[in-house]
Amino acid sequence: LSCAASISISELYALRWHRQAPGKPRVLVAAMLR
């Protein structure tokens, strides 16, 4: 998966991927901090 941002991501505090399965809450899958 790719997520292309229209802003600079180099100084952002955190980059995360979440997922939501049908009928379930959104959950954190992976994170990358500064």
PDB file of all heavy atoms in Angstrom:
ATOM      1  N   LEU A   1       0.841  -1.191   0.000  1.00  0.00           N
ATOM      2  CA  LEU A   1       0.000   0.000   0.000  1.00  0.00           C
ATOM      3  C   LEU A   1       0.879   1.243   0.000  1.00  0.00           C
ATOM      4  O   LEU A   1       1.949   1.259   0.607  1.00  0.00           O
ATOM      5  CB  LEU A   1      -0.901   0.019   1.228  1.00  0.00           C
ATOM      6  CG  LEU A   1      -1.786  -1.216   1.454  1.00  0.00           C
ATOM      7  CD1 LEU A   1      -2.674  -0.998   2.673  1.00  0.00           C
ATOM      8  CD2 LEU A   1      -2.612  -1.529   0.226  1.00  0.00           C
ATOM      9  N   SER A   2       0.394   2.270  -0.674  1.00  0.00           N
ATOM     10  CA  SER A   2       1.091   3.553  -0.711  1.00  0.00           C
ATOM     11  C   SER A   2       0.144   4.652  -0.260  1.00  0.00           C
ATOM     12  O   SER A   2      -1.063   4.591  -0.514  1.00  0.00           O
ATOM     13  CB  SER A   2       1.579   3.866  -2.129  1.00  0.00           C
ATOM     14  OG  SER A   2       2.476   2.891  -2.595  1.00  0.00           O
ATOM     15  N   CYS A   3       0.690   5.642   0.375  1.00  0.00           N
ATOM     16  CA  CYS A   3      -0.079   6.817   0.804  1.00  0.00           C
ATOM     17  C   CYS A   3       0.745   8.039   0.441  1.00  0.00           C
ATOM     18  O   CYS A   3       1.747   8.344   1.114  1.00  0.00           O
ATOM     19  CB  CYS A   3      -0.352   6.753   2.301  1.00  0.00           C
ATOM     20  SG  CYS A   3      -1.134   8.236   2.973  1.00  0.00           S
ATOM     21  N   ALA A   4       0.350   8.707  -0.621  1.00  0.00           N
ATOM     22  CA  ALA A   4       1.076   9.877  -1.103  1.00  0.00           C
ATOM     23  C   ALA A   4       0.437  11.134  -0.536  1.00  0.00           C
ATOM     24  O   ALA A   4      -0.775  11.347  -0.707  1.00  0.00           O
ATOM     25  CB  ALA A   4       1.063   9.909  -2.623  1.00  0.00           C
ATOM     26  N   ALA A   5       1.249  11.947   0.119  1.00  0.00           N
ATOM     27  CA  ALA A   5       0.739  13.144   0.785  1.00  0.00           C
ATOM     28  C   ALA A   5       1.078  14.398  -0.009  1.00  0.00           C
ATOM     29  O   ALA A   5       2.113  14.464  -0.682  1.00  0.00           O
ATOM     30  CB  ALA A   5       1.331  13.249   2.187  1.00  0.00           C
ATOM     31  N   SER A   6       0.201  15.381   0.116  1.00  0.00           N
ATOM     32  CA  SER A   6       0.436  16.669  -0.561  1.00  0.00           C
ATOM     33  C   SER A   6       1.244  17.612   0.318  1.00  0.00           C
ATOM     34  O   SER A   6       1.423  18.787  -0.038  1.00  0.00           O
ATOM     35  CB  SER A   6      -0.896  17.317  -0.951  1.00  0.00           C
ATOM     36  OG  SER A   6      -1.678  17.583   0.204  1.00  0.00           O
ATOM     37  N   ILE A   7       1.719  17.119   1.455  1.00  0.00           N
ATOM     38  CA  ILE A   7       2.556  17.902   2.349  1.00  0.00           C
ATOM     39  C   ILE A   7       3.847  17.130   2.622  1.00  0.00           C
ATOM     40  O   ILE A   7       3.914  15.918   2.364  1.00  0.00           O
ATOM     41  CB  ILE A   7       1.863  18.200   3.699  1.00  0.00           C
ATOM     42  CG1 ILE A   7       1.461  16.884   4.386  1.00  0.00           C
ATOM     43  CG2 ILE A   7       0.672  19.115   3.501  1.00  0.00           C
ATOM     44  CD1 ILE A   7       0.960  17.062   5.807  1.00  0.00           C
ATOM     45  N   SER A   8       4.820  17.813   3.147  1.00  0.00           N
ATOM     46  CA  SER A   8       6.056  17.149   3.531  1.00  0.00           C
ATOM     47  C   SER A   8       5.812  16.254   4.735  1.00  0.00           C
ATOM     48  O   SER A   8       5.195  16.671   5.708  1.00  0.00           O
ATOM     49  CB  SER A   8       7.129  18.181   3.867  1.00  0.00           C
ATOM     50  OG  SER A   8       8.269  17.538   4.399  1.00  0.00           O
ATOM     51  N   ILE A   9       6.291  15.007   4.655  1.00  0.00           N
ATOM     52  CA  ILE A   9       6.074  14.099   5.768  1.00  0.00           C
ATOM     53  C   ILE A   9       7.293  13.989   6.670  1.00  0.00           C
ATOM     54  O   ILE A   9       7.245  13.321   7.699  1.00  0.00           O
ATOM     55  CB  ILE A   9       5.695  12.679   5.265  1.00  0.00           C
ATOM     56  CG1 ILE A   9       6.880  12.034   4.522  1.00  0.00           C
ATOM     57  CG2 ILE A   9       4.456  12.729   4.389  1.00  0.00           C
ATOM     58  CD1 ILE A   9       6.637  10.555   4.217  1.00  0.00           C
ATOM     59  N   SER A  10       8.370  14.657   6.299  1.00  0.00           N
ATOM     60  CA  SER A  10       9.633  14.442   7.008  1.00  0.00           C
ATOM     61  C   SER A  10       9.594  14.898   8.461  1.00  0.00           C
ATOM     62  O   SER A  10      10.295  14.340   9.301  1.00  0.00           O
ATOM     63  CB  SER A  10      10.774  15.145   6.272  1.00  0.00           C
ATOM     64  OG  SER A  10      10.548  16.543   6.224  1.00  0.00           O
ATOM     65  N   GLU A  11       8.788  15.889   8.776  1.00  0.00           N
ATOM     66  CA  GLU A  11       8.766  16.424  10.141  1.00  0.00           C
ATOM     67  C   GLU A  11       7.500  16.049  10.907  1.00  0.00           C
ATOM     68  O   GLU A  11       7.296  16.525  12.017  1.00  0.00           O
ATOM     69  CB  GLU A  11       8.921  17.945  10.118  1.00  0.00           C
ATOM     70  CG  GLU A  11      10.267  18.404   9.571  1.00  0.00           C
ATOM     71  CD  GLU A  11      11.421  17.878  10.411  1.00  0.00           C
ATOM     72  OE1 GLU A  11      11.315  17.877  11.649  1.00  0.00           O
ATOM     73  OE2 GLU A  11      12.437  17.457   9.811  1.00  0.00           O
ATOM     74  N   LEU A  12       6.688  15.213  10.299  1.00  0.00           N
ATOM     75  CA  LEU A  12       5.475  14.818  11.000  1.00  0.00           C
ATOM     76  C   LEU A  12       5.808  13.957  12.207  1.00  0.00           C
ATOM     77  O   LEU A  12       6.801  13.213  12.202  1.00  0.00           O
ATOM     78  CB  LEU A  12       4.539  14.060  10.058  1.00  0.00           C
ATOM     79  CG  LEU A  12       3.918  14.886   8.941  1.00  0.00           C
ATOM     80  CD1 LEU A  12       3.065  14.003   8.050  1.00  0.00           C
ATOM     81  CD2 LEU A  12       3.101  16.036   9.488  1.00  0.00           C
ATOM     82  N   TYR A  13       4.984  14.018  13.216  1.00  0.00           N
ATOM     83  CA  TYR A  13       5.241  13.275  14.452  1.00  0.00           C
ATOM     84  C   TYR A  13       5.092  11.769  14.245  1.00  0.00           C
ATOM     85  O   TYR A  13       5.887  10.981  14.735  1.00  0.00           O
ATOM     86  CB  TYR A  13       4.294  13.728  15.550  1.00  0.00           C
ATOM     87  CG  TYR A  13       4.407  12.899  16.799  1.00  0.00           C
ATOM     88  CD1 TYR A  13       5.517  12.990  17.628  1.00  0.00           C
ATOM     89  CD2 TYR A  13       3.411  11.990  17.141  1.00  0.00           C
ATOM     90  CE1 TYR A  13       5.640  12.215  18.759  1.00  0.00           C
ATOM     91  CE2 TYR A  13       3.521  11.204  18.276  1.00  0.00           C
ATOM     92  CZ  TYR A  13       4.633  11.323  19.074  1.00  0.00           C
ATOM     93  OH  TYR A  13       4.758  10.544  20.189  1.00  0.00           O
ATOM     94  N   ALA A  14       4.046  11.378  13.515  1.00  0.00           N
ATOM     95  CA  ALA A  14       3.793   9.947  13.371  1.00  0.00           C
ATOM     96  C   ALA A  14       3.124   9.649  12.037  1.00  0.00           C
ATOM     97  O   ALA A  14       2.330  10.443  11.539  1.00  0.00           O
ATOM     98  CB  ALA A  14       2.911   9.430  14.504  1.00  0.00           C
ATOM     99  N   LEU A  15       3.477   8.512  11.506  1.00  0.00           N
ATOM    100  CA  LEU A  15       2.856   7.977  10.299  1.00  0.00           C
ATOM    101  C   LEU A  15       2.252   6.639  10.690  1.00  0.00           C
ATOM    102  O   LEU A  15       2.952   5.805  11.273  1.00  0.00           O
ATOM    103  CB  LEU A  15       3.903   7.780   9.200  1.00  0.00           C
ATOM    104  CG  LEU A  15       4.888   8.925   8.975  1.00  0.00           C
ATOM    105  CD1 LEU A  15       5.955   8.512   7.964  1.00  0.00           C
ATOM    106  CD2 LEU A  15       4.167  10.174   8.519  1.00  0.00           C
ATOM    107  N   ARG A  16       0.985   6.452  10.383  1.00  0.00           N
ATOM    108  CA  ARG A  16       0.328   5.230  10.841  1.00  0.00           C
ATOM    109  C   ARG A  16      -0.546   4.631   9.742  1.00  0.00           C
ATOM    110  O   ARG A  16      -1.015   5.319   8.854  1.00  0.00           O
ATOM    111  CB  ARG A  16      -0.567   5.520  12.057  1.00  0.00           C
ATOM    112  CG  ARG A  16       0.174   6.068  13.264  1.00  0.00           C
ATOM    113  CD  ARG A  16      -0.773   6.194  14.445  1.00  0.00           C
ATOM    114  NE  ARG A  16      -0.099   6.659  15.650  1.00  0.00           N
ATOM    115  CZ  ARG A  16      -0.088   7.922  16.053  1.00  0.00           C
ATOM    116  NH1 ARG A  16      -0.690   8.853  15.340  1.00  0.00           N
ATOM    117  NH2 ARG A  16       0.542   8.268  17.168  1.00  0.00           N
ATOM    118  N   TRP A  17      -0.738   3.333   9.831  1.00  0.00           N
ATOM    119  CA  TRP A  17      -1.726   2.614   9.037  1.00  0.00           C
ATOM    120  C   TRP A  17      -2.718   1.963  10.007  1.00  0.00           C
ATOM    121  O   TRP A  17      -2.315   1.316  10.967  1.00  0.00           O
ATOM    122  CB  TRP A  17      -1.081   1.544   8.171  1.00  0.00           C
ATOM    123  CG  TRP A  17      -0.335   2.074   6.993  1.00  0.00           C
ATOM    124  CD1 TRP A  17       1.001   2.327   6.908  1.00  0.00           C
ATOM    125  CD2 TRP A  17      -0.888   2.396   5.712  1.00  0.00           C
ATOM    126  NE1 TRP A  17       1.325   2.789   5.665  1.00  0.00           N
ATOM    127  CE2 TRP A  17       0.179   2.846   4.899  1.00  0.00           C
ATOM    128  CE3 TRP A  17      -2.162   2.351   5.165  1.00  0.00           C
ATOM    129  CZ2 TRP A  17       0.012   3.254   3.577  1.00  0.00           C
ATOM    130  CZ3 TRP A  17      -2.345   2.754   3.850  1.00  0.00           C
ATOM    131  CH2 TRP A  17      -1.270   3.196   3.058  1.00  0.00           C
ATOM    132  N   HIS A  18      -3.990   2.143   9.710  1.00  0.00           N
ATOM    133  CA  HIS A  18      -5.076   1.525  10.448  1.00  0.00           C
ATOM    134  C   HIS A  18      -5.849   0.648   9.478  1.00  0.00           C
ATOM    135  O   HIS A  18      -5.733   0.807   8.259  1.00  0.00           O
ATOM    136  CB  HIS A  18      -6.017   2.570  11.030  1.00  0.00           C
ATOM    137  CG  HIS A  18      -5.381   3.570  11.934  1.00  0.00           C
ATOM    138  ND1 HIS A  18      -5.620   3.623  13.291  1.00  0.00           N
ATOM    139  CD2 HIS A  18      -4.511   4.582  11.678  1.00  0.00           C
ATOM    140  CE1 HIS A  18      -4.929   4.618  13.827  1.00  0.00           C
ATOM    141  NE2 HIS A  18      -4.251   5.216  12.854  1.00  0.00           N
ATOM    142  N   ARG A  19      -6.674  -0.217  10.023  1.00  0.00           N
ATOM    143  CA  ARG A  19      -7.584  -0.964   9.161  1.00  0.00           C
ATOM    144  C   ARG A  19      -8.916  -1.157   9.861  1.00  0.00           C
ATOM    145  O   ARG A  19      -8.992  -1.151  11.094  1.00  0.00           O
ATOM    146  CB  ARG A  19      -6.979  -2.309   8.757  1.00  0.00           C
ATOM    147  CG  ARG A  19      -6.847  -3.333   9.876  1.00  0.00           C
ATOM    148  CD  ARG A  19      -6.132  -4.577   9.354  1.00  0.00           C
ATOM    149  NE  ARG A  19      -5.997  -5.602  10.378  1.00  0.00           N
ATOM    150  CZ  ARG A  19      -5.267  -6.705  10.232  1.00  0.00           C
ATOM    151  NH1 ARG A  19      -4.604  -6.916   9.100  1.00  0.00           N
ATOM    152  NH2 ARG A  19      -5.200  -7.588  11.203  1.00  0.00           N
ATOM    153  N   GLN A  20      -9.922  -1.341   9.039  1.00  0.00           N
ATOM    154  CA  GLN A  20     -11.270  -1.569   9.563  1.00  0.00           C
ATOM    155  C   GLN A  20     -11.921  -2.679   8.775  1.00  0.00           C
ATOM    156  O   GLN A  20     -12.174  -2.527   7.568  1.00  0.00           O
ATOM    157  CB  GLN A  20     -12.104  -0.291   9.507  1.00  0.00           C
ATOM    158  CG  GLN A  20     -13.450  -0.420  10.181  1.00  0.00           C
ATOM    159  CD  GLN A  20     -14.127   0.928  10.381  1.00  0.00           C
ATOM    160  OE1 GLN A  20     -13.791   1.910   9.742  1.00  0.00           O
ATOM    161  NE2 GLN A  20     -15.073   0.968  11.307  1.00  0.00           N
ATOM    162  N   ALA A  21     -12.179  -3.775   9.466  1.00  0.00           N
ATOM    163  CA  ALA A  21     -12.882  -4.895   8.856  1.00  0.00           C
ATOM    164  C   ALA A  21     -14.377  -4.660   9.001  1.00  0.00           C
ATOM    165  O   ALA A  21     -14.821  -3.923   9.888  1.00  0.00           O
ATOM    166  CB  ALA A  21     -12.463  -6.192   9.531  1.00  0.00           C
ATOM    167  N   PRO A  22     -15.188  -5.298   8.160  1.00  0.00           N
ATOM    168  CA  PRO A  22     -16.642  -5.106   8.226  1.00  0.00           C
ATOM    169  C   PRO A  22     -17.187  -5.419   9.619  1.00  0.00           C
ATOM    170  O   PRO A  22     -16.894  -6.471  10.193  1.00  0.00           O
ATOM    171  CB  PRO A  22     -17.167  -6.101   7.187  1.00  0.00           C
ATOM    172  CG  PRO A  22     -16.040  -6.261   6.230  1.00  0.00           C
ATOM    173  CD  PRO A  22     -14.791  -6.168   7.042  1.00  0.00           C
ATOM    174  N   GLY A  23     -17.951  -4.483  10.160  1.00  0.00           N
ATOM    175  CA  GLY A  23     -18.583  -4.694  11.445  1.00  0.00           C
ATOM    176  C   GLY A  23     -17.666  -4.577  12.645  1.00  0.00           C
ATOM    177  O   GLY A  23     -18.066  -4.876  13.765  1.00  0.00           O
ATOM    178  N   LYS A  24     -16.440  -4.154  12.407  1.00  0.00           N
ATOM    179  CA  LYS A  24     -15.474  -4.043  13.497  1.00  0.00           C
ATOM    180  C   LYS A  24     -14.930  -2.622  13.574  1.00  0.00           C
ATOM    181  O   LYS A  24     -14.983  -1.867  12.606  1.00  0.00           O
ATOM    182  CB  LYS A  24     -14.333  -5.034  13.282  1.00  0.00           C
ATOM    183  CG  LYS A  24     -14.769  -6.487  13.341  1.00  0.00           C
ATOM    184  CD  LYS A  24     -13.589  -7.430  13.315  1.00  0.00           C
ATOM    185  CE  LYS A  24     -14.030  -8.866  13.448  1.00  0.00           C
ATOM    186  NZ  LYS A  24     -12.867  -9.808  13.440  1.00  0.00           N
ATOM    187  N   PRO A  25     -14.391  -2.243  14.730  1.00  0.00           N
ATOM    188  CA  PRO A  25     -13.826  -0.898  14.849  1.00  0.00           C
ATOM    189  C   PRO A  25     -12.507  -0.766  14.091  1.00  0.00           C
ATOM    190  O   PRO A  25     -11.850  -1.768  13.773  1.00  0.00           O
ATOM    191  CB  PRO A  25     -13.596  -0.738  16.353  1.00  0.00           C
ATOM    192  CG  PRO A  25     -13.468  -2.123  16.869  1.00  0.00           C
ATOM    193  CD  PRO A  25     -14.343  -2.987  16.015  1.00  0.00           C
ATOM    194  N   ARG A  26     -12.142   0.452  13.790  1.00  0.00           N
ATOM    195  CA  ARG A  26     -10.860   0.721  13.152  1.00  0.00           C
ATOM    196  C   ARG A  26      -9.747   0.484  14.169  1.00  0.00           C
ATOM    197  O   ARG A  26      -9.839   0.939  15.315  1.00  0.00           O
ATOM    198  CB  ARG A  26     -10.811   2.164  12.644  1.00  0.00           C
ATOM    199  CG  ARG A  26      -9.649   2.476  11.756  1.00  0.00           C
ATOM    200  CD  ARG A  26      -9.755   3.879  11.175  1.00  0.00           C
ATOM    201  NE  ARG A  26     -10.956   4.028  10.349  1.00  0.00           N
ATOM    202  CZ  ARG A  26     -11.208   5.125   9.630  1.00  0.00           C
ATOM    203  NH1 ARG A  26     -10.346   6.138   9.641  1.00  0.00           N
ATOM    204  NH2 ARG A  26     -12.311   5.202   8.919  1.00  0.00           N
ATOM    205  N   VAL A  27      -8.715  -0.216  13.746  1.00  0.00           N
ATOM    206  CA  VAL A  27      -7.613  -0.535  14.657  1.00  0.00           C
ATOM    207  C   VAL A  27      -6.276  -0.149  14.036  1.00  0.00           C
ATOM    208  O   VAL A  27      -6.113  -0.150  12.819  1.00  0.00           O
ATOM    209  CB  VAL A  27      -7.602  -2.038  15.032  1.00  0.00           C
ATOM    210  CG1 VAL A  27      -8.852  -2.405  15.794  1.00  0.00           C
ATOM    211  CG2 VAL A  27      -7.450  -2.911  13.797  1.00  0.00           C
ATOM    212  N   LEU A  28      -5.335   0.158  14.905  1.00  0.00           N
ATOM    213  CA  LEU A  28      -3.997   0.504  14.465  1.00  0.00           C
ATOM    214  C   LEU A  28      -3.238  -0.747  14.048  1.00  0.00           C
ATOM    215  O   LEU A  28      -3.239  -1.747  14.770  1.00  0.00           O
ATOM    216  CB  LEU A  28      -3.254   1.210  15.590  1.00  0.00           C
ATOM    217  CG  LEU A  28      -1.819   1.620  15.320  1.00  0.00           C
ATOM    218  CD1 LEU A  28      -1.746   2.642  14.200  1.00  0.00           C
ATOM    219  CD2 LEU A  28      -1.175   2.166  16.592  1.00  0.00           C
ATOM    220  N   VAL A  29      -2.589  -0.675  12.905  1.00  0.00           N
ATOM    221  CA  VAL A  29      -1.848  -1.815  12.377  1.00  0.00           C
ATOM    222  C   VAL A  29      -0.338  -1.591  12.500  1.00  0.00           C
ATOM    223  O   VAL A  29       0.400  -2.472  12.928  1.00  0.00           O
ATOM    224  CB  VAL A  29      -2.218  -2.055  10.895  1.00  0.00           C
ATOM    225  CG1 VAL A  29      -1.322  -3.120  10.274  1.00  0.00           C
ATOM    226  CG2 VAL A  29      -3.674  -2.442  10.767  1.00  0.00           C
ATOM    227  N   ALA A  30       0.093  -0.395  12.105  1.00  0.00           N
ATOM    228  CA  ALA A  30       1.528  -0.124  12.113  1.00  0.00           C
ATOM    229  C   ALA A  30       1.757   1.363  12.295  1.00  0.00           C
ATOM    230  O   ALA A  30       0.934   2.174  11.855  1.00  0.00           O
ATOM    231  CB  ALA A  30       2.177  -0.594  10.810  1.00  0.00           C
ATOM    232  N   ALA A  31       2.869   1.704  12.921  1.00  0.00           N
ATOM    233  CA  ALA A  31       3.191   3.102  13.151  1.00  0.00           C
ATOM    234  C   ALA A  31       4.688   3.328  13.011  1.00  0.00           C
ATOM    235  O   ALA A  31       5.494   2.458  13.331  1.00  0.00           O
ATOM    236  CB  ALA A  31       2.730   3.534  14.541  1.00  0.00           C
ATOM    237  N   MET A  32       5.014   4.515  12.532  1.00  0.00           N
ATOM    238  CA  MET A  32       6.408   4.943  12.459  1.00  0.00           C
ATOM    239  C   MET A  32       6.468   6.350  13.032  1.00  0.00           C
ATOM    240  O   MET A  32       5.774   7.246  12.549  1.00  0.00           O
ATOM    241  CB  MET A  32       6.928   4.924  11.024  1.00  0.00           C
ATOM    242  CG  MET A  32       8.332   5.492  10.882  1.00  0.00           C
ATOM    243  SD  MET A  32       8.950   5.411   9.179  1.00  0.00           S
ATOM    244  CE  MET A  32       9.406   3.674   9.094  1.00  0.00           C
ATOM    245  N   LEU A  33       7.259   6.521  14.064  1.00  0.00           N
ATOM    246  CA  LEU A  33       7.387   7.823  14.699  1.00  0.00           C
ATOM    247  C   LEU A  33       8.579   8.583  14.126  1.00  0.00           C
ATOM    248  O   LEU A  33       9.433   8.000  13.449  1.00  0.00           O
ATOM    249  CB  LEU A  33       7.550   7.659  16.205  1.00  0.00           C
ATOM    250  CG  LEU A  33       6.418   6.930  16.935  1.00  0.00           C
ATOM    251  CD1 LEU A  33       6.689   6.872  18.422  1.00  0.00           C
ATOM    252  CD2 LEU A  33       5.083   7.584  16.657  1.00  0.00           C
ATOM    253  N   ARG A  34       8.620   9.879  14.416  1.00  0.00           N
ATOM    254  CA  ARG A  34       9.765  10.690  14.016  1.00  0.00           C
ATOM    255  C   ARG A  34      11.014  10.044  14.603  1.00  0.00           C
ATOM    256  O   ARG A  34      11.047   9.711  15.775  1.00  0.00           O
ATOM    257  CB  ARG A  34       9.620  12.110  14.536  1.00  0.00           C
ATOM    258  CG  ARG A  34      10.587  13.103  13.920  1.00  0.00           C
ATOM    259  CD  ARG A  34      10.430  14.453  14.590  1.00  0.00           C
ATOM    260  NE  ARG A  34       9.087  14.974  14.448  1.00  0.00           N
ATOM    261  CZ  ARG A  34       8.593  15.972  15.189  1.00  0.00           C
ATOM    262  NH1 ARG A  34       9.329  16.528  16.124  1.00  0.00           N
ATOM    263  NH2 ARG A  34       7.363  16.410  14.991  1.00  0.00           N
TER     264      ARG A  34
END
